[in-house]
């Protein structure tokens, strides 16, 4: 025999098994990681830095806001005479709004709209085109309303502005379309 039998995988002869401390030294405990200590220190530094920044930001002096000066004009009292202002009408800008349309003009617009609805119900495309401003197409109300032939004009206009009146036309049950009647060159339906 050549020596004592060793367990499988152990070196024979002198020396220590792999991973064992040399003879005469006590085994050392495994090394603990210090990563958690470093992470904790970093978190505390970040919190302290953030708190310091917040304190600086909230305590800085932005200065007091400057207000515009208060006018020191004196206004006339009851014992002081008041001179009325006069305005030259030619110095005023021209207004671009038109006077509201009178009831007679609204009635004329309604009469034109009634003619158009009559042409729609009769499915007379030529008559509908003749009543429009462009005279080239009969319009959406004709296209939809001529399918049923039961278009009805509302009693009152929806909009009256300047030279235009907008009526609602019920072209089928629950379906309402607008008809705009303009007074540019005589009354016409804007299609």
Protein backbone atom coordinates (compact mmCIF):
# COMPACT_ATOMS: atom_id res chain seq x y z
CA UNK A 1 0.00 0.00 0.00
CA UNK A 2 1.16 3.35 -0.74
CA UNK A 3 -0.46 5.48 1.91
CA UNK A 4 -3.72 6.22 3.60
CA UNK A 5 -6.77 6.28 1.42
CA UNK A 6 -8.12 9.75 0.64
CA UNK A 7 -11.68 10.60 -0.30
CA UNK A 8 -12.40 11.04 -3.98
CA UNK A 9 -11.12 14.34 -5.36
CA UNK A 10 -8.70 15.04 -2.46
CA UNK A 11 -5.00 15.33 -3.18
CA UNK A 12 -2.84 12.65 -1.71
CA UNK A 13 0.18 13.26 0.37
CA UNK A 14 1.14 16.51 2.01
CA UNK A 15 -0.87 19.68 1.83
CA UNK A 16 -4.29 20.66 2.81
CA UNK A 17 -7.55 20.02 1.04
CA UNK A 18 -8.60 22.82 -1.31
CA UNK A 19 -10.20 25.83 0.40
CA UNK A 20 -8.98 24.95 3.94
CA UNK A 21 -6.75 27.34 5.90
CA UNK A 22 -3.22 26.20 6.55
CA UNK A 23 -2.45 24.30 9.77
CA UNK A 24 -2.39 26.37 12.89
CA UNK A 25 -4.66 29.22 11.72
CA UNK A 26 -8.29 29.47 12.78
CA UNK A 27 -10.84 29.60 9.96
CA UNK A 28 -11.83 33.18 9.02
CA UNK A 29 -15.48 34.14 8.74
CA UNK A 30 -16.71 34.94 5.23
CA UNK A 31 -16.28 38.59 4.18
CA UNK A 32 -19.41 40.68 4.47
CA UNK A 33 -20.32 43.06 1.71
CA UNK A 34 -20.23 46.76 2.57
CA UNK A 35 -22.41 47.81 -0.36
CA UNK A 36 -25.41 48.50 1.86
CA UNK A 37 -23.33 50.87 4.01
CA UNK A 38 -22.18 52.77 0.91
CA UNK A 39 -25.76 52.93 -0.42
CA UNK A 40 -27.04 54.25 2.90
CA UNK A 41 -24.35 56.96 3.00
CA UNK A 42 -25.22 58.02 -0.57
CA UNK A 43 -28.95 58.22 0.26
CA UNK A 44 -28.24 60.34 3.34
CA UNK A 45 -26.00 62.67 1.30
CA UNK A 46 -28.68 63.08 -1.35
CA UNK A 47 -31.34 63.84 1.26
CA UNK A 48 -29.09 66.38 2.98
CA UNK A 49 -28.25 68.03 -0.37
CA UNK A 50 -31.91 68.15 -1.43
CA UNK A 51 -32.95 69.61 1.91
CA UNK A 52 -30.23 72.25 1.68
CA UNK A 53 -31.27 73.21 -1.84
CA UNK A 54 -34.94 73.46 -0.82
CA UNK A 55 -34.05 75.66 2.18
CA UNK A 56 -31.94 77.94 -0.05
CA UNK A 57 -34.62 78.13 -2.74
CA UNK A 58 -37.50 78.86 -0.35
CA UNK A 59 -35.61 81.46 1.70
CA UNK A 60 -34.11 83.51 -1.13
CA UNK A 61 -35.30 87.08 -1.46
CA UNK A 62 -37.00 87.75 -4.75
CA UNK A 63 -37.40 91.38 -3.91
CA UNK A 64 -40.68 93.11 -3.46
CA UNK A 65 -42.74 93.50 -6.61
CA UNK A 66 -42.81 97.00 -7.96
CA UNK A 67 -46.26 98.41 -8.48
CA UNK A 68 -47.02 101.05 -11.06
CA UNK A 69 -47.21 104.55 -9.68
CA UNK A 70 -50.58 105.74 -8.48
CA UNK A 71 -51.94 108.60 -10.57
CA UNK A 72 -52.12 111.86 -8.69
CA UNK A 73 -54.71 113.57 -10.88
CA UNK A 74 -57.37 115.57 -9.21
CA UNK A 75 -60.90 115.21 -10.32
CA UNK A 76 -63.32 118.10 -10.40
CA UNK A 77 -65.37 118.54 -7.30
CA UNK A 78 -68.88 119.87 -7.21
CA UNK A 79 -67.68 123.45 -6.83
CA UNK A 80 -65.35 123.28 -9.86
CA UNK A 81 -66.87 123.90 -13.30
CA UNK A 82 -66.92 120.94 -15.72
CA UNK A 83 -66.29 121.68 -19.37
CA UNK A 84 -68.03 119.26 -21.73
CA UNK A 85 -65.94 117.43 -24.29
CA UNK A 86 -66.74 117.94 -27.90
CA UNK A 87 -65.93 115.31 -30.49
CA UNK A 88 -65.61 115.93 -34.18
CA UNK A 89 -67.73 113.22 -35.90
CA UNK A 90 -65.40 113.19 -38.91
CA UNK A 91 -62.56 112.10 -36.61
CA UNK A 92 -64.39 108.91 -35.59
CA UNK A 93 -63.65 105.69 -37.52
CA UNK A 94 -66.33 104.39 -39.83
CA UNK A 95 -68.37 101.52 -38.47
CA UNK A 96 -68.55 98.37 -40.54
CA UNK A 97 -71.64 96.85 -38.93
CA UNK A 98 -74.86 97.11 -40.85
CA UNK A 99 -78.14 98.16 -39.35
CA UNK A 100 -80.36 95.26 -38.31
CA UNK A 101 -82.75 93.99 -40.95
CA UNK A 102 -86.34 95.14 -40.60
CA UNK A 103 -89.33 92.80 -40.35
CA UNK A 104 -90.34 93.57 -43.94
CA UNK A 105 -86.93 92.39 -45.20
CA UNK A 106 -87.15 89.22 -43.08
CA UNK A 107 -90.59 88.57 -44.61
CA UNK A 108 -89.09 88.98 -48.12
CA UNK A 109 -86.31 86.52 -47.22
CA UNK A 110 -88.90 84.06 -45.91
CA UNK A 111 -90.87 84.36 -49.16
CA UNK A 112 -87.74 83.48 -51.16
CA UNK A 113 -86.98 80.55 -48.85
CA UNK A 114 -90.58 79.29 -49.25
CA UNK A 115 -90.18 79.34 -53.07
CA UNK A 116 -86.98 77.31 -52.69
CA UNK A 117 -88.64 74.73 -50.39
CA UNK A 118 -91.55 74.46 -52.84
CA UNK A 119 -89.04 73.66 -55.63
CA UNK A 120 -87.39 71.07 -53.36
CA UNK A 121 -90.71 69.33 -52.62
CA UNK A 122 -91.65 69.40 -56.32
CA UNK A 123 -88.21 67.90 -57.12
CA UNK A 124 -87.74 70.74 -59.63
CA UNK A 125 -83.96 71.08 -59.81
CA UNK A 126 -84.01 73.83 -62.45
CA UNK A 127 -86.27 76.02 -60.29
CA UNK A 128 -84.11 75.35 -57.20
CA UNK A 129 -80.94 76.29 -59.12
CA UNK A 130 -82.58 79.50 -60.35
CA UNK A 131 -83.28 80.53 -56.73
CA UNK A 132 -79.65 80.03 -55.59
CA UNK A 133 -76.90 82.64 -55.69
CA UNK A 134 -74.56 80.61 -57.93
CA UNK A 135 -77.31 79.36 -60.26
CA UNK A 136 -75.18 76.26 -60.96
CA UNK A 137 -76.23 73.80 -58.27
CA UNK A 138 -79.41 73.20 -56.33
CA UNK A 139 -77.74 72.80 -52.92
CA UNK A 140 -77.66 70.26 -50.11
CA UNK A 141 -81.23 70.90 -48.99
CA UNK A 142 -82.45 70.03 -52.49
CA UNK A 143 -80.31 66.87 -52.62
CA UNK A 144 -81.62 65.55 -49.30
CA UNK A 145 -85.11 67.07 -49.28
CA UNK A 146 -86.08 66.01 -52.81
CA UNK A 147 -85.76 62.34 -51.77
CA UNK A 148 -88.75 62.61 -49.43
CA UNK A 149 -90.53 65.62 -50.97
CA UNK A 150 -91.72 66.68 -47.51
CA UNK A 151 -89.39 69.55 -46.61
CA UNK A 152 -90.84 72.10 -44.16
CA UNK A 153 -89.59 75.64 -43.53
CA UNK A 154 -89.41 76.77 -39.89
CA UNK A 155 -91.76 79.57 -38.83
CA UNK A 156 -89.06 81.90 -37.50
CA UNK A 157 -85.51 82.46 -38.76
CA UNK A 158 -82.65 81.01 -36.76
CA UNK A 159 -80.28 83.91 -37.54
CA UNK A 160 -80.75 87.44 -38.86
CA UNK A 161 -77.46 89.27 -39.51
CA UNK A 162 -76.75 92.17 -41.83
CA UNK A 163 -77.97 91.07 -45.26
CA UNK A 164 -78.53 87.41 -44.49
CA UNK A 165 -81.26 85.34 -42.89
CA UNK A 166 -80.85 81.68 -41.97
CA UNK A 167 -83.91 79.43 -41.77
CA UNK A 168 -84.09 75.82 -40.69
CA UNK A 169 -85.67 73.32 -43.06
CA UNK A 170 -86.79 69.93 -41.81
CA UNK A 171 -85.96 67.71 -44.80
CA UNK A 172 -87.03 64.44 -43.20
CA UNK A 173 -88.27 63.32 -39.81
CA UNK A 174 -85.80 64.71 -37.28
CA UNK A 175 -83.27 65.90 -39.88
CA UNK A 176 -82.88 69.67 -40.09
CA UNK A 177 -80.64 71.59 -42.49
CA UNK A 178 -80.01 75.34 -42.67
CA UNK A 179 -81.00 77.49 -45.66
CA UNK A 180 -79.19 80.81 -45.87
CA UNK A 181 -80.95 83.53 -47.85
CA UNK A 182 -78.79 86.53 -48.85
CA UNK A 183 -79.87 89.98 -50.02
CA UNK A 184 -76.73 90.86 -52.01
CA UNK A 185 -78.25 91.30 -55.49
CA UNK A 186 -81.87 90.53 -54.77
CA UNK A 187 -82.69 87.54 -52.63
CA UNK A 188 -80.89 84.25 -53.30
CA UNK A 189 -80.24 80.98 -51.47
CA UNK A 190 -76.59 80.38 -50.68
CA UNK A 191 -76.08 76.72 -51.61
